[in-house]
């Protein structure tokens, strides 16, 4: 699967989890906690593969500002996840913080799919996107064998380098 298709698929999977969370509203704290953990694992692993593989592959003078913004948005998301990891689903602020997380992720996804994906198509051949996608998918799968959400709090001091 090429890198853009992989990232888009991961974006859609997280969006589905957010929708599932919304439907639970104030019900079943255990299930809401479980969905949050799935979201946090996926976002933790997703951010890692973007920062290790996708963004460096796009780093050119004319993409630098977009990439800086993307890693700053990742930092905001990581800080929200770190906050949520310290909470339980029955905490008063949990749902509000989940909503803010969702909104930040949706904003990031929209910009990434519109701007960075366009840059990727210009800068990389189909073969390069395919090779990058294979690397990213292997890394993502390896990360998902663990609990990548548990690494997120260590990544909240500053944005990842580009």
N, C-alpha and C. Protein backbone atom coordinates (compact mmCIF):
# COMPACT_ATOMS: atom_id res chain seq x y z
N UNK A 1 0.86 -1.18 0.00
CA UNK A 1 0.00 0.00 0.00
C UNK A 1 0.90 1.24 0.00
N UNK A 2 0.57 2.21 -0.83
CA UNK A 2 1.43 3.38 -0.85
C UNK A 2 1.22 4.23 0.41
N UNK A 3 2.20 5.09 0.68
CA UNK A 3 2.22 5.86 1.92
C UNK A 3 0.95 6.68 2.12
N UNK A 4 0.46 7.31 1.06
CA UNK A 4 -0.72 8.18 1.19
C UNK A 4 -1.97 7.36 1.49
N UNK A 5 -2.10 6.22 0.82
CA UNK A 5 -3.25 5.35 1.09
C UNK A 5 -3.21 4.82 2.52
N UNK A 6 -2.02 4.48 2.99
CA UNK A 6 -1.86 3.98 4.36
C UNK A 6 -2.28 5.04 5.37
N UNK A 7 -1.77 6.26 5.19
CA UNK A 7 -2.10 7.33 6.13
C UNK A 7 -3.59 7.65 6.10
N UNK A 8 -4.16 7.69 4.90
CA UNK A 8 -5.59 7.97 4.78
C UNK A 8 -6.41 6.88 5.47
N UNK A 9 -6.02 5.64 5.29
CA UNK A 9 -6.72 4.53 5.95
C UNK A 9 -6.63 4.67 7.48
N UNK A 10 -5.47 5.04 7.97
CA UNK A 10 -5.31 5.23 9.42
C UNK A 10 -6.14 6.41 9.91
N UNK A 11 -6.20 7.48 9.13
CA UNK A 11 -7.04 8.62 9.49
C UNK A 11 -8.50 8.18 9.62
N UNK A 12 -8.95 7.39 8.66
CA UNK A 12 -10.35 6.92 8.66
C UNK A 12 -10.63 6.00 9.84
N UNK A 13 -9.68 5.15 10.19
CA UNK A 13 -9.86 4.24 11.34
C UNK A 13 -10.03 5.03 12.63
N UNK A 14 -9.22 6.07 12.81
CA UNK A 14 -9.32 6.90 14.01
C UNK A 14 -10.64 7.67 14.01
N UNK A 15 -11.05 8.17 12.85
CA UNK A 15 -12.33 8.89 12.76
C UNK A 15 -13.48 7.98 13.17
N UNK A 16 -13.44 6.72 12.76
CA UNK A 16 -14.48 5.76 13.14
C UNK A 16 -14.49 5.53 14.65
N UNK A 17 -13.32 5.46 15.25
CA UNK A 17 -13.24 5.28 16.70
C UNK A 17 -13.82 6.49 17.43
N UNK A 18 -13.53 7.69 16.94
CA UNK A 18 -14.11 8.89 17.55
C UNK A 18 -15.64 8.86 17.45
N UNK A 19 -16.17 8.44 16.31
CA UNK A 19 -17.63 8.36 16.14
C UNK A 19 -18.22 7.34 17.12
N UNK A 20 -17.54 6.22 17.25
CA UNK A 20 -17.98 5.18 18.19
C UNK A 20 -18.00 5.74 19.62
N UNK A 21 -16.98 6.51 19.96
CA UNK A 21 -16.90 7.13 21.28
C UNK A 21 -18.06 8.10 21.49
N UNK A 22 -18.34 8.93 20.48
CA UNK A 22 -19.43 9.91 20.58
C UNK A 22 -20.77 9.23 20.85
N UNK A 23 -21.00 8.09 20.21
CA UNK A 23 -22.28 7.39 20.38
C UNK A 23 -22.47 6.88 21.80
N UNK A 24 -21.38 6.64 22.50
CA UNK A 24 -21.48 6.14 23.87
C UNK A 24 -21.85 7.24 24.86
N UNK A 25 -21.60 8.49 24.48
CA UNK A 25 -21.90 9.65 25.33
C UNK A 25 -21.49 9.38 26.76
N UNK A 26 -22.41 9.47 27.69
CA UNK A 26 -22.08 9.30 29.11
C UNK A 26 -22.26 7.87 29.59
N UNK A 27 -22.35 6.93 28.68
CA UNK A 27 -22.58 5.53 29.05
C UNK A 27 -21.27 4.76 29.14
N UNK A 28 -21.29 3.69 29.85
CA UNK A 28 -20.24 2.68 29.89
C UNK A 28 -18.82 3.25 29.91
N UNK A 29 -18.40 3.65 31.11
CA UNK A 29 -17.06 4.21 31.28
C UNK A 29 -15.97 3.25 30.80
N UNK A 30 -16.14 1.97 31.04
CA UNK A 30 -15.14 0.99 30.64
C UNK A 30 -14.95 0.96 29.13
N UNK A 31 -16.05 0.99 28.40
CA UNK A 31 -15.98 0.96 26.94
C UNK A 31 -15.39 2.26 26.39
N UNK A 32 -15.75 3.38 27.01
CA UNK A 32 -15.19 4.67 26.58
C UNK A 32 -13.68 4.71 26.82
N UNK A 33 -13.26 4.18 27.97
CA UNK A 33 -11.83 4.12 28.28
C UNK A 33 -11.11 3.25 27.25
N UNK A 34 -11.71 2.14 26.90
CA UNK A 34 -11.12 1.22 25.93
C UNK A 34 -10.98 1.89 24.55
N UNK A 35 -12.01 2.62 24.14
CA UNK A 35 -11.95 3.31 22.84
C UNK A 35 -10.87 4.39 22.88
N UNK A 36 -10.80 5.13 23.99
CA UNK A 36 -9.73 6.13 24.10
C UNK A 36 -8.36 5.47 23.94
N UNK A 37 -8.15 4.34 24.59
CA UNK A 37 -6.86 3.66 24.51
C UNK A 37 -6.55 3.23 23.08
N UNK A 38 -7.57 2.79 22.35
CA UNK A 38 -7.37 2.42 20.94
C UNK A 38 -7.00 3.66 20.12
N UNK A 39 -7.71 4.76 20.36
CA UNK A 39 -7.41 6.02 19.66
C UNK A 39 -5.97 6.44 19.98
N UNK A 40 -5.62 6.42 21.26
CA UNK A 40 -4.30 6.87 21.69
C UNK A 40 -3.19 5.99 21.11
N UNK A 41 -3.40 4.68 21.09
CA UNK A 41 -2.40 3.79 20.49
C UNK A 41 -2.23 4.09 19.01
N UNK A 42 -3.35 4.21 18.30
CA UNK A 42 -3.28 4.46 16.86
C UNK A 42 -2.63 5.81 16.56
N UNK A 43 -3.02 6.84 17.31
CA UNK A 43 -2.44 8.16 17.08
C UNK A 43 -0.96 8.19 17.45
N UNK A 44 -0.59 7.52 18.53
CA UNK A 44 0.82 7.48 18.93
C UNK A 44 1.68 6.83 17.86
N UNK A 45 1.23 5.68 17.35
CA UNK A 45 1.98 4.97 16.31
C UNK A 45 1.96 5.75 15.00
N UNK A 46 0.81 6.33 14.68
CA UNK A 46 0.65 7.09 13.43
C UNK A 46 1.59 8.30 13.42
N UNK A 47 1.60 9.06 14.51
CA UNK A 47 2.48 10.23 14.59
C UNK A 47 3.94 9.81 14.45
N UNK A 48 4.29 8.71 15.07
CA UNK A 48 5.67 8.22 15.03
C UNK A 48 6.10 7.91 13.59
N UNK A 49 5.26 7.20 12.84
CA UNK A 49 5.67 6.85 11.46
C UNK A 49 5.68 8.08 10.56
N UNK A 50 4.80 9.03 10.82
CA UNK A 50 4.85 10.26 10.03
C UNK A 50 6.15 11.01 10.31
N UNK A 51 6.50 11.12 11.59
CA UNK A 51 7.68 11.88 11.97
C UNK A 51 8.98 11.18 11.59
N UNK A 52 9.00 9.87 11.58
CA UNK A 52 10.21 9.12 11.24
C UNK A 52 10.40 8.93 9.74
N UNK A 53 9.31 8.80 9.00
CA UNK A 53 9.40 8.44 7.58
C UNK A 53 8.77 9.45 6.62
N UNK A 54 7.49 9.77 6.86
CA UNK A 54 6.75 10.57 5.89
C UNK A 54 7.27 12.01 5.83
N UNK A 55 7.35 12.69 6.96
CA UNK A 55 7.77 14.08 6.94
C UNK A 55 9.21 14.25 6.44
N UNK A 56 10.16 13.43 6.89
CA UNK A 56 11.52 13.58 6.33
C UNK A 56 11.57 13.38 4.81
N UNK A 57 10.72 12.51 4.29
CA UNK A 57 10.70 12.28 2.83
C UNK A 57 10.19 13.51 2.08
N UNK A 58 9.44 14.36 2.77
CA UNK A 58 8.87 15.55 2.13
C UNK A 58 9.67 16.82 2.40
N UNK A 59 10.72 16.71 3.19
CA UNK A 59 11.43 17.91 3.61
C UNK A 59 12.19 18.55 2.46
N UNK A 60 11.66 19.65 2.03
CA UNK A 60 12.26 20.51 1.01
C UNK A 60 12.04 21.95 1.49
N UNK A 61 12.73 22.87 0.88
CA UNK A 61 12.61 24.26 1.32
C UNK A 61 11.16 24.75 1.29
N UNK A 62 10.43 24.39 0.24
CA UNK A 62 9.06 24.91 0.11
C UNK A 62 8.03 24.12 0.92
N UNK A 63 8.43 23.05 1.59
CA UNK A 63 7.48 22.31 2.44
C UNK A 63 7.79 22.49 3.93
N UNK A 64 8.88 23.17 4.22
CA UNK A 64 9.34 23.25 5.61
C UNK A 64 8.30 23.87 6.55
N UNK A 65 7.64 24.94 6.13
CA UNK A 65 6.64 25.58 6.99
C UNK A 65 5.47 24.64 7.27
N UNK A 66 5.00 23.95 6.24
CA UNK A 66 3.89 22.99 6.42
C UNK A 66 4.29 21.87 7.37
N UNK A 67 5.52 21.40 7.24
CA UNK A 67 5.99 20.32 8.11
C UNK A 67 6.15 20.79 9.55
N UNK A 68 6.64 22.01 9.73
CA UNK A 68 6.74 22.55 11.09
C UNK A 68 5.36 22.64 11.74
N UNK A 69 4.40 23.11 10.97
CA UNK A 69 3.04 23.19 11.50
C UNK A 69 2.51 21.80 11.84
N UNK A 70 2.78 20.83 10.99
CA UNK A 70 2.30 19.46 11.23
C UNK A 70 2.88 18.88 12.52
N UNK A 71 4.18 19.07 12.77
CA UNK A 71 4.75 18.51 14.00
C UNK A 71 4.29 19.28 15.23
N UNK A 72 4.00 20.57 15.07
CA UNK A 72 3.43 21.33 16.19
C UNK A 72 2.02 20.82 16.51
N UNK A 73 1.26 20.50 15.47
CA UNK A 73 -0.08 19.92 15.69
C UNK A 73 0.04 18.56 16.36
N UNK A 74 1.02 17.77 15.97
CA UNK A 74 1.26 16.49 16.64
C UNK A 74 1.53 16.72 18.13
N UNK A 75 2.32 17.74 18.43
CA UNK A 75 2.66 18.03 19.83
C UNK A 75 1.40 18.33 20.64
N UNK A 76 0.50 19.12 20.09
CA UNK A 76 -0.76 19.42 20.78
C UNK A 76 -1.54 18.13 21.03
N UNK A 77 -1.63 17.28 20.02
CA UNK A 77 -2.35 16.01 20.15
C UNK A 77 -1.69 15.13 21.21
N UNK A 78 -0.37 15.06 21.20
CA UNK A 78 0.35 14.25 22.18
C UNK A 78 0.11 14.76 23.60
N UNK A 79 0.09 16.07 23.77
CA UNK A 79 -0.16 16.63 25.11
C UNK A 79 -1.57 16.30 25.58
N UNK A 80 -2.53 16.35 24.68
CA UNK A 80 -3.90 15.97 25.05
C UNK A 80 -3.96 14.49 25.43
N UNK A 81 -3.31 13.64 24.66
CA UNK A 81 -3.28 12.21 24.98
C UNK A 81 -2.62 12.00 26.34
N UNK A 82 -1.51 12.68 26.59
CA UNK A 82 -0.82 12.55 27.88
C UNK A 82 -1.75 12.95 29.03
N UNK A 83 -2.50 14.03 28.84
CA UNK A 83 -3.47 14.44 29.87
C UNK A 83 -4.52 13.36 30.08
N UNK A 84 -5.05 12.83 28.99
CA UNK A 84 -6.10 11.81 29.08
C UNK A 84 -5.59 10.52 29.72
N UNK A 85 -4.33 10.20 29.51
CA UNK A 85 -3.75 9.00 30.13
C UNK A 85 -3.71 9.11 31.65
N UNK A 86 -3.73 10.33 32.15
CA UNK A 86 -3.71 10.55 33.60
C UNK A 86 -5.12 10.52 34.19
N UNK A 87 -6.12 10.42 33.34
CA UNK A 87 -7.52 10.49 33.77
C UNK A 87 -8.20 9.14 33.57
N UNK A 88 -9.40 9.06 34.08
CA UNK A 88 -10.29 7.91 33.85
C UNK A 88 -11.50 8.42 33.08
N UNK A 89 -12.18 7.53 32.39
CA UNK A 89 -13.33 7.92 31.57
C UNK A 89 -14.46 8.54 32.39
N UNK A 90 -14.50 8.27 33.69
CA UNK A 90 -15.57 8.85 34.51
C UNK A 90 -15.20 10.22 35.09
N UNK A 91 -13.99 10.72 34.80
CA UNK A 91 -13.62 12.07 35.23
C UNK A 91 -14.46 13.09 34.48
N UNK A 92 -14.80 14.17 35.17
CA UNK A 92 -15.67 15.21 34.59
C UNK A 92 -15.12 15.78 33.29
N UNK A 93 -13.81 15.97 33.22
CA UNK A 93 -13.20 16.63 32.07
C UNK A 93 -12.89 15.68 30.92
N UNK A 94 -13.05 14.38 31.13
CA UNK A 94 -12.60 13.40 30.15
C UNK A 94 -13.28 13.60 28.79
N UNK A 95 -14.60 13.68 28.77
CA UNK A 95 -15.32 13.81 27.50
C UNK A 95 -14.95 15.11 26.78
N UNK A 96 -14.83 16.20 27.54
CA UNK A 96 -14.47 17.48 26.92
C UNK A 96 -13.08 17.40 26.30
N UNK A 97 -12.15 16.78 27.00
CA UNK A 97 -10.79 16.65 26.48
C UNK A 97 -10.76 15.72 25.26
N UNK A 98 -11.58 14.68 25.28
CA UNK A 98 -11.67 13.80 24.11
C UNK A 98 -12.20 14.57 22.90
N UNK A 99 -13.17 15.46 23.13
CA UNK A 99 -13.73 16.26 22.04
C UNK A 99 -12.66 17.20 21.47
N UNK A 100 -11.88 17.81 22.35
CA UNK A 100 -10.80 18.69 21.89
C UNK A 100 -9.76 17.89 21.11
N UNK A 101 -9.45 16.68 21.59
CA UNK A 101 -8.54 15.80 20.86
C UNK A 101 -9.08 15.51 19.47
N UNK A 102 -10.35 15.16 19.40
CA UNK A 102 -10.98 14.86 18.11
C UNK A 102 -10.90 16.05 17.17
N UNK A 103 -11.22 17.23 17.66
CA UNK A 103 -11.20 18.43 16.82
C UNK A 103 -9.79 18.73 16.31
N UNK A 104 -8.80 18.56 17.17
CA UNK A 104 -7.42 18.79 16.75
C UNK A 104 -6.97 17.78 15.71
N UNK A 105 -7.35 16.53 15.90
CA UNK A 105 -6.99 15.49 14.93
C UNK A 105 -7.68 15.76 13.60
N UNK A 106 -8.96 16.11 13.63
CA UNK A 106 -9.70 16.39 12.39
C UNK A 106 -9.06 17.55 11.62
N UNK A 107 -8.67 18.60 12.34
CA UNK A 107 -8.02 19.75 11.71
C UNK A 107 -6.71 19.32 11.06
N UNK A 108 -5.92 18.58 11.80
CA UNK A 108 -4.62 18.11 11.30
C UNK A 108 -4.79 17.24 10.06
N UNK A 109 -5.73 16.31 10.12
CA UNK A 109 -5.97 15.40 9.00
C UNK A 109 -6.39 16.18 7.75
N UNK A 110 -7.29 17.13 7.94
CA UNK A 110 -7.77 17.92 6.80
C UNK A 110 -6.61 18.64 6.11
N UNK A 111 -5.78 19.31 6.89
CA UNK A 111 -4.64 20.03 6.30
C UNK A 111 -3.64 19.07 5.67
N UNK A 112 -3.37 17.98 6.36
CA UNK A 112 -2.38 17.03 5.85
C UNK A 112 -2.82 16.43 4.52
N UNK A 113 -4.08 15.99 4.47
CA UNK A 113 -4.56 15.35 3.24
C UNK A 113 -4.67 16.35 2.09
N UNK A 114 -4.92 17.60 2.42
CA UNK A 114 -5.03 18.62 1.37
C UNK A 114 -3.65 19.10 0.91
N UNK A 115 -2.81 19.47 1.85
CA UNK A 115 -1.54 20.13 1.50
C UNK A 115 -0.36 19.16 1.39
N UNK A 116 -0.11 18.40 2.43
CA UNK A 116 1.08 17.54 2.42
C UNK A 116 0.95 16.39 1.43
N UNK A 117 -0.26 15.86 1.28
CA UNK A 117 -0.44 14.79 0.29
C UNK A 117 -0.16 15.31 -1.12
N UNK A 118 -0.58 16.55 -1.37
CA UNK A 118 -0.32 17.16 -2.68
C UNK A 118 1.19 17.33 -2.89
N UNK A 119 1.87 17.77 -1.86
CA UNK A 119 3.33 17.91 -1.95
C UNK A 119 3.98 16.55 -2.19
N UNK A 120 3.50 15.53 -1.50
CA UNK A 120 4.07 14.18 -1.66
C UNK A 120 3.92 13.69 -3.09
N UNK A 121 2.75 13.93 -3.67
CA UNK A 121 2.52 13.49 -5.06
C UNK A 121 3.46 14.20 -6.04
N UNK A 122 3.80 15.45 -5.73
CA UNK A 122 4.71 16.21 -6.59
C UNK A 122 6.16 15.76 -6.42
N UNK A 123 6.54 15.50 -5.18
CA UNK A 123 7.94 15.24 -4.87
C UNK A 123 8.37 13.79 -5.06
N UNK A 124 7.42 12.87 -5.00
CA UNK A 124 7.78 11.45 -4.99
C UNK A 124 7.10 10.69 -6.12
N UNK A 125 7.82 9.72 -6.65
CA UNK A 125 7.25 8.86 -7.69
C UNK A 125 6.31 7.85 -7.04
N UNK A 126 5.52 7.18 -7.86
CA UNK A 126 4.63 6.13 -7.34
C UNK A 126 5.44 5.05 -6.64
N UNK A 127 6.58 4.71 -7.21
CA UNK A 127 7.44 3.67 -6.62
C UNK A 127 7.96 4.12 -5.25
N UNK A 128 8.36 5.38 -5.16
CA UNK A 128 8.85 5.90 -3.89
C UNK A 128 7.75 5.89 -2.83
N UNK A 129 6.54 6.29 -3.24
CA UNK A 129 5.41 6.28 -2.30
C UNK A 129 5.09 4.85 -1.87
N UNK A 130 5.22 3.92 -2.79
CA UNK A 130 4.97 2.50 -2.48
C UNK A 130 6.00 1.99 -1.48
N UNK A 131 7.27 2.25 -1.75
CA UNK A 131 8.35 1.81 -0.86
C UNK A 131 8.21 2.44 0.53
N UNK A 132 7.89 3.72 0.55
CA UNK A 132 7.70 4.42 1.82
C UNK A 132 6.52 3.82 2.58
N UNK A 133 5.46 3.52 1.87
CA UNK A 133 4.28 2.92 2.50
C UNK A 133 4.60 1.58 3.15
N UNK A 134 5.42 0.79 2.49
CA UNK A 134 5.81 -0.52 3.04
C UNK A 134 6.59 -0.33 4.35
N UNK A 135 7.55 0.59 4.33
CA UNK A 135 8.34 0.88 5.54
C UNK A 135 7.44 1.35 6.68
N UNK A 136 6.55 2.28 6.35
CA UNK A 136 5.68 2.87 7.36
C UNK A 136 4.73 1.82 7.93
N UNK A 137 4.19 0.98 7.08
CA UNK A 137 3.25 -0.04 7.55
C UNK A 137 3.95 -1.04 8.47
N UNK A 138 5.16 -1.44 8.10
CA UNK A 138 5.92 -2.37 8.95
C UNK A 138 6.19 -1.76 10.32
N UNK A 139 6.60 -0.50 10.34
CA UNK A 139 6.88 0.19 11.61
C UNK A 139 5.60 0.34 12.42
N UNK A 140 4.51 0.73 11.78
CA UNK A 140 3.24 0.90 12.47
C UNK A 140 2.81 -0.42 13.11
N UNK A 141 2.87 -1.50 12.35
CA UNK A 141 2.47 -2.81 12.88
C UNK A 141 3.34 -3.21 14.06
N UNK A 142 4.64 -2.95 13.97
CA UNK A 142 5.54 -3.28 15.08
C UNK A 142 5.19 -2.46 16.32
N UNK A 143 4.91 -1.18 16.13
CA UNK A 143 4.53 -0.33 17.25
C UNK A 143 3.22 -0.80 17.88
N UNK A 144 2.27 -1.20 17.04
CA UNK A 144 0.96 -1.62 17.53
C UNK A 144 1.01 -2.96 18.26
N UNK A 145 2.12 -3.69 18.15
CA UNK A 145 2.27 -4.91 18.93
C UNK A 145 2.40 -4.59 20.42
N UNK A 146 2.77 -3.36 20.72
CA UNK A 146 2.88 -2.92 22.11
C UNK A 146 1.73 -1.99 22.45
N UNK A 147 2.02 -1.02 23.29
CA UNK A 147 1.05 0.01 23.67
C UNK A 147 1.69 1.37 23.38
N UNK A 148 1.68 1.79 22.11
CA UNK A 148 2.39 3.02 21.75
C UNK A 148 1.90 4.26 22.50
N UNK A 149 0.69 4.21 23.04
CA UNK A 149 0.19 5.36 23.81
C UNK A 149 1.08 5.64 25.02
N UNK A 150 1.72 4.59 25.54
CA UNK A 150 2.53 4.75 26.74
C UNK A 150 3.83 5.52 26.47
N UNK A 151 4.22 5.64 25.21
CA UNK A 151 5.41 6.43 24.85
C UNK A 151 5.08 7.91 24.67
N UNK A 152 3.82 8.22 24.48
CA UNK A 152 3.41 9.59 24.15
C UNK A 152 3.82 10.61 25.22
N UNK A 153 3.61 10.33 26.53
CA UNK A 153 3.99 11.36 27.51
C UNK A 153 5.46 11.78 27.44
N UNK A 154 6.33 10.90 26.97
CA UNK A 154 7.75 11.23 26.85
C UNK A 154 8.03 12.12 25.63
N UNK A 155 7.02 12.33 24.79
CA UNK A 155 7.20 13.09 23.55
C UNK A 155 6.47 14.43 23.60
N UNK A 156 6.26 14.97 24.81
CA UNK A 156 5.44 16.18 24.93
C UNK A 156 6.25 17.44 25.26
N UNK A 157 7.56 17.34 25.36
CA UNK A 157 8.36 18.53 25.68
C UNK A 157 8.44 19.51 24.52
N UNK A 158 8.68 18.95 23.33
CA UNK A 158 8.81 19.81 22.15
C UNK A 158 8.40 19.03 20.92
N UNK A 159 8.13 19.77 19.88
CA UNK A 159 7.73 19.13 18.62
C UNK A 159 8.89 18.29 18.08
N UNK A 160 8.54 17.25 17.36
CA UNK A 160 9.55 16.40 16.73
C UNK A 160 10.35 17.23 15.73
N UNK A 161 11.62 16.91 15.57
CA UNK A 161 12.41 17.63 14.56
C UNK A 161 11.95 17.25 13.15
N UNK A 162 12.12 18.19 12.25
CA UNK A 162 11.77 17.87 10.85
C UNK A 162 13.02 17.80 10.01
